[in-house]
Amino acid sequence: MVRLTGRPAARRTAGPAGLLLVAAAAAWVWVVTRSGGIPAMPGTMGLGLHAFLAVWTLMTAAMMLPATAPVAALYARTITVHRAPHMVVFTLAYLLVWAAAGLPAYALAVGLGRAASLPAVAGTAAAAAVFAVSGVYQLTPLKDRCLARCRSPLGLMLRYASYPGPSRDLCAGAHHGAFCLGCCWSLMALLAAFGLMNLWAMVVLAAVITAEKLVPAGRLVARAVGVASIALAVAVFWVPALAPGLTGGGMSGM
């Protein structure tokens, strides 16, 4: 029988969960050292597809892994021996889902970069569309469903424990990554308006993601962010600096 509770089990799984926090910290160090002084540039920041995917994956690792660490700790309790290698595979599979999401993110960035090169009203309209789509999705039942799986993953753990064979960790990591993507893509899309390497926007969005998943009022946080994003879709026409990544406002640096 798989034990999911107990102080000794918690101590044994602190290490695997801690690995995710260490990986997230390393990704944040990279982001901070690379983004210092970079303005909130529109589009892909001149990066090709491969470089964009590498930057995107590191950014998502920094922003997502801290909120995923409790799920990783719970998953580790379903493993009886050699937890660290299993958790490495689980984490890599999780990040592969986000890396794959970098493909549509790149296409979006290219399109928005072109919009930003048009007259200012085009960039402002594109920013308003990003804010509106993100805000509306935050209020949808699909967002609620994905967030519920991230907030209460015990049922998923029972499912993952039944996965057979050596692909169990890969399938579990990818499955949880898919729910996390469904939960958080709308927040990551906001970086298109704020600027891909806008450090302060990343910090705020990472805090929102963590709060949505871990604090008791996480659902309320998600809805409040949705309403705020819709409000930004209107306000950006009067204050273009709210979306420096598309309107050019506030591009002197972060």
Protein backbone atom coordinates (compact mmCIF):
# COMPACT_ATOMS: atom_id res chain seq x y z
CA MET A 1 0.00 0.00 0.00
CA VAL A 2 1.27 3.48 -0.87
CA ARG A 3 1.67 5.71 2.17
CA LEU A 4 0.82 9.35 1.55
CA THR A 5 0.99 10.58 5.13
CA GLY A 6 3.32 10.48 8.09
CA ARG A 7 6.27 12.47 9.37
CA PRO A 8 8.99 9.98 8.28
CA ALA A 9 7.60 9.98 4.72
CA ALA A 10 7.59 13.76 4.73
CA ARG A 11 11.26 13.81 5.71
CA ARG A 12 12.15 11.32 2.98
CA THR A 13 10.42 13.38 0.31
CA ALA A 14 11.79 16.77 1.38
CA GLY A 15 14.90 16.12 -0.70
CA PRO A 16 13.15 15.46 -4.05
CA ALA A 17 10.89 18.48 -3.57
CA GLY A 18 13.90 20.53 -2.58
CA LEU A 19 15.53 19.66 -5.90
CA LEU A 20 12.75 21.51 -7.69
CA LEU A 21 13.30 24.58 -5.53
CA VAL A 22 17.03 24.46 -6.23
CA ALA A 23 16.33 24.17 -9.97
CA ALA A 24 13.92 27.10 -9.75
CA ALA A 25 16.49 29.17 -7.85
CA ALA A 26 19.13 28.43 -10.50
CA ALA A 27 16.70 29.47 -13.23
CA TRP A 28 15.92 32.70 -11.38
CA VAL A 29 19.63 33.47 -11.07
CA TRP A 30 19.99 33.03 -14.83
CA VAL A 31 16.95 35.21 -15.53
CA VAL A 32 18.10 37.99 -13.20
CA THR A 33 21.65 38.07 -14.55
CA ARG A 34 20.49 37.99 -18.18
CA SER A 35 17.59 40.41 -17.92
CA GLY A 36 19.31 43.23 -16.04
CA GLY A 37 19.15 46.37 -18.16
CA ILE A 38 17.17 44.75 -20.98
CA PRO A 39 14.21 46.97 -21.95
CA ALA A 40 10.72 45.56 -22.29
CA MET A 41 11.11 44.77 -25.97
CA PRO A 42 8.17 43.61 -28.08
CA GLY A 43 7.97 40.27 -29.83
CA THR A 44 10.77 37.73 -29.65
CA MET A 45 13.51 40.22 -28.66
CA GLY A 46 15.28 39.27 -31.87
CA LEU A 47 15.70 35.65 -30.79
CA GLY A 48 15.44 32.78 -33.24
CA LEU A 49 13.17 29.85 -32.49
CA HIS A 50 15.77 27.70 -30.71
CA ALA A 51 17.07 30.55 -28.56
CA PHE A 52 13.52 31.65 -27.77
CA LEU A 53 12.56 28.13 -26.65
CA ALA A 54 15.63 27.94 -24.42
CA VAL A 55 14.83 31.29 -22.77
CA TRP A 56 11.14 30.39 -22.50
CA THR A 57 11.89 27.06 -20.82
CA LEU A 58 14.20 28.67 -18.27
CA MET A 59 11.62 31.36 -17.55
CA THR A 60 8.86 28.80 -17.01
CA ALA A 61 11.14 26.74 -14.79
CA ALA A 62 11.79 29.80 -12.63
CA MET A 63 8.12 30.76 -12.43
CA MET A 64 6.40 27.37 -12.24
CA LEU A 65 8.62 25.01 -10.25
CA PRO A 66 8.16 26.68 -6.83
CA ALA A 67 4.39 26.20 -7.03
CA THR A 68 4.91 22.63 -8.30
CA ALA A 69 7.21 21.56 -5.46
CA PRO A 70 4.33 20.46 -3.13
CA VAL A 71 2.89 18.28 -5.91
CA ALA A 72 6.35 16.83 -6.52
CA ALA A 73 6.67 16.05 -2.81
CA LEU A 74 3.32 14.27 -2.87
CA TYR A 75 4.30 12.31 -5.96
CA ALA A 76 7.59 11.32 -4.33
CA ARG A 77 5.61 9.57 -1.60
CA THR A 78 4.25 7.14 -4.19
CA ILE A 79 7.83 6.00 -4.91
CA THR A 80 9.44 3.51 -2.55
CA VAL A 81 13.09 3.47 -3.72
CA HIS A 82 15.54 5.72 -5.58
CA ARG A 83 13.27 8.74 -5.48
CA ALA A 84 15.73 11.29 -6.87
CA PRO A 85 16.09 9.74 -10.38
CA HIS A 86 12.33 9.33 -10.62
CA MET A 87 11.80 12.95 -9.65
CA VAL A 88 14.32 14.12 -12.23
CA VAL A 89 12.32 12.36 -14.96
CA PHE A 90 9.04 13.70 -13.54
CA THR A 91 10.41 17.25 -13.54
CA LEU A 92 11.91 17.02 -17.03
CA ALA A 93 8.61 15.70 -18.41
CA TYR A 94 6.80 18.57 -16.70
CA LEU A 95 9.19 21.11 -18.25
CA LEU A 96 8.94 19.47 -21.67
CA VAL A 97 5.24 20.33 -21.71
CA TRP A 98 6.10 23.97 -21.08
CA ALA A 99 8.90 23.83 -23.64
CA ALA A 100 6.39 22.58 -26.22
CA ALA A 101 4.10 25.47 -25.25
CA GLY A 102 6.95 27.72 -26.32
CA LEU A 103 6.09 26.98 -29.96
CA PRO A 104 2.71 28.76 -29.94
CA ALA A 105 4.26 31.35 -27.63
CA TYR A 106 6.90 32.04 -30.27
CA ALA A 107 4.26 32.36 -32.98
CA LEU A 108 2.31 34.78 -30.77
CA ALA A 109 5.45 36.78 -30.04
CA VAL A 110 6.26 37.05 -33.75
CA GLY A 111 2.75 38.27 -34.53
CA LEU A 112 2.72 40.77 -31.69
CA GLY A 113 6.18 41.97 -32.63
CA ARG A 114 4.87 42.82 -36.08
CA ALA A 115 1.89 44.58 -34.55
CA ALA A 116 4.23 46.64 -32.39
CA SER A 117 6.07 47.85 -35.52
CA LEU A 118 2.81 49.30 -36.90
CA PRO A 119 1.34 52.65 -35.80
CA ALA A 120 0.97 52.95 -32.04
CA VAL A 121 -2.75 52.23 -32.06
CA ALA A 122 -2.09 48.74 -33.47
CA GLY A 123 0.26 47.85 -30.63
CA THR A 124 -2.19 49.23 -28.09
CA ALA A 125 -5.05 47.22 -29.61
CA ALA A 126 -2.90 44.08 -29.55
CA ALA A 127 -2.08 44.69 -25.89
CA ALA A 128 -5.77 45.16 -25.09
CA ALA A 129 -6.57 41.88 -26.85
CA VAL A 130 -3.91 40.03 -24.82
CA PHE A 131 -5.23 41.48 -21.55
CA ALA A 132 -8.84 40.70 -22.48
CA VAL A 133 -8.23 37.10 -23.57
CA SER A 134 -6.16 36.41 -20.48
CA GLY A 135 -8.74 37.99 -18.19
CA VAL A 136 -11.72 36.18 -19.70
CA TYR A 137 -9.97 32.81 -19.51
CA GLN A 138 -9.23 33.37 -15.82
CA LEU A 139 -13.00 33.35 -15.23
CA THR A 140 -13.84 30.23 -17.25
CA PRO A 141 -14.82 26.76 -15.94
CA LEU A 142 -11.80 25.25 -17.70
CA LYS A 143 -9.49 27.47 -15.68
CA ASP A 144 -11.32 26.41 -12.52
CA ARG A 145 -11.01 22.73 -13.40
CA CYS A 146 -7.28 22.89 -14.11
CA LEU A 147 -6.66 24.99 -11.02
CA ALA A 148 -8.62 22.51 -8.88
CA ARG A 149 -6.36 19.67 -10.06
CA CYS A 150 -3.28 21.72 -9.19
CA ARG A 151 -4.67 22.72 -5.78
CA SER A 152 -5.95 19.27 -4.78
CA PRO A 153 -3.79 16.70 -6.59
CA LEU A 154 -4.42 13.71 -4.30
CA GLY A 155 -6.71 12.08 -6.85
CA LEU A 156 -4.01 12.51 -9.48
CA MET A 157 -1.46 10.85 -7.21
CA LEU A 158 -3.64 7.77 -6.94
CA ARG A 159 -3.88 7.72 -10.72
CA TYR A 160 -0.12 8.15 -11.14
CA ALA A 161 0.57 5.35 -8.67
CA SER A 162 -1.31 2.99 -11.00
CA TYR A 163 0.79 3.86 -14.05
CA PRO A 164 2.79 0.77 -15.05
CA GLY A 165 6.32 0.37 -16.35
CA PRO A 166 9.35 2.65 -16.64
CA SER A 167 7.33 5.39 -18.38
CA ARG A 168 5.38 6.14 -15.21
CA ASP A 169 7.41 9.20 -14.22
CA LEU A 170 7.40 10.56 -17.76
CA CYS A 171 3.62 10.16 -18.10
CA ALA A 172 2.93 11.57 -14.63
CA GLY A 173 5.13 14.63 -15.20
CA ALA A 174 3.62 15.31 -18.61
CA HIS A 175 0.07 14.81 -17.31
CA HIS A 176 0.56 17.23 -14.45
CA GLY A 177 2.35 19.65 -16.78
CA ALA A 178 -0.70 19.64 -19.07
CA PHE A 179 -3.00 20.60 -16.19
CA CYS A 180 -0.53 23.27 -15.09
CA LEU A 181 -0.39 24.63 -18.63
CA GLY A 182 -4.18 24.71 -18.76
CA CYS A 183 -4.16 26.59 -15.47
CA CYS A 184 -1.42 29.14 -16.17
CA TRP A 185 -1.08 29.80 -19.91
CA SER A 186 -3.25 32.90 -19.65
CA LEU A 187 -0.90 34.38 -17.05
CA MET A 188 2.18 33.59 -19.12
CA ALA A 189 0.53 35.24 -22.13
CA LEU A 190 0.57 38.52 -20.22
CA LEU A 191 4.34 38.61 -20.66
CA ALA A 192 3.67 39.36 -24.33
CA ALA A 193 2.21 42.69 -23.22
CA PHE A 194 4.59 43.41 -20.35
CA GLY A 195 7.72 42.28 -22.23
CA LEU A 196 9.14 38.77 -22.41
CA MET A 197 12.12 39.45 -20.13
CA ASN A 198 10.39 42.04 -17.95
CA LEU A 199 11.82 40.93 -14.61
CA TRP A 200 9.29 42.70 -12.41
CA ALA A 201 6.38 41.30 -14.43
CA MET A 202 7.87 37.81 -14.05
CA VAL A 203 8.18 38.22 -10.28
CA VAL A 204 4.58 39.44 -9.92
CA LEU A 205 3.17 36.72 -12.19
CA ALA A 206 5.18 34.03 -10.40
CA ALA A 207 3.73 35.25 -7.10
CA VAL A 208 0.21 35.12 -8.59
CA ILE A 209 0.77 31.58 -9.89
CA THR A 210 2.03 30.43 -6.50
CA ALA A 211 -0.85 32.13 -4.68
CA GLU A 212 -3.45 30.62 -7.00
CA LYS A 213 -2.16 27.12 -6.35
CA LEU A 214 -1.14 27.21 -2.70
CA VAL A 215 -3.01 29.80 -0.63
CA PRO A 216 -6.50 29.00 0.73
CA ALA A 217 -8.06 31.84 -1.28
CA GLY A 218 -6.37 30.76 -4.51
CA ARG A 219 -9.61 30.64 -6.50
CA LEU A 220 -10.43 34.17 -5.40
CA VAL A 221 -6.95 35.29 -6.46
CA ALA A 222 -7.49 33.78 -9.93
CA ARG A 223 -10.79 35.60 -10.36
CA ALA A 224 -9.40 38.88 -9.06
CA VAL A 225 -6.53 38.68 -11.54
CA GLY A 226 -9.02 37.97 -14.31
CA VAL A 227 -11.07 41.05 -13.47
CA ALA A 228 -7.89 43.15 -13.18
CA SER A 229 -6.68 41.92 -16.57
CA ILE A 230 -9.98 42.87 -18.22
CA ALA A 231 -9.70 46.29 -16.61
CA LEU A 232 -6.19 46.63 -18.06
CA ALA A 233 -7.61 45.86 -21.52
CA VAL A 234 -9.61 49.08 -21.23
CA ALA A 235 -7.07 51.17 -19.35
CA VAL A 236 -4.20 50.50 -21.78
CA PHE A 237 -5.84 52.78 -24.36
CA TRP A 238 -5.38 55.69 -21.95
CA VAL A 239 -2.13 54.51 -20.36
CA PRO A 240 -0.06 52.71 -23.05
CA ALA A 241 2.83 52.34 -20.59
CA LEU A 242 0.83 49.52 -18.96
CA ALA A 243 1.97 47.32 -21.85
CA PRO A 244 5.56 48.38 -22.58
CA GLY A 245 6.20 45.16 -24.49
CA LEU A 246 3.79 46.25 -27.22
CA THR A 247 3.27 49.98 -26.97
CA GLY A 248 6.85 51.07 -26.29
CA GLY A 249 5.85 52.83 -23.08
CA GLY A 250 8.32 52.57 -20.23
CA MET A 251 11.02 50.92 -22.35
CA SER A 252 13.91 52.65 -20.63
CA GLY A 253 14.65 49.52 -18.63
CA MET A 254 13.38 47.40 -15.77
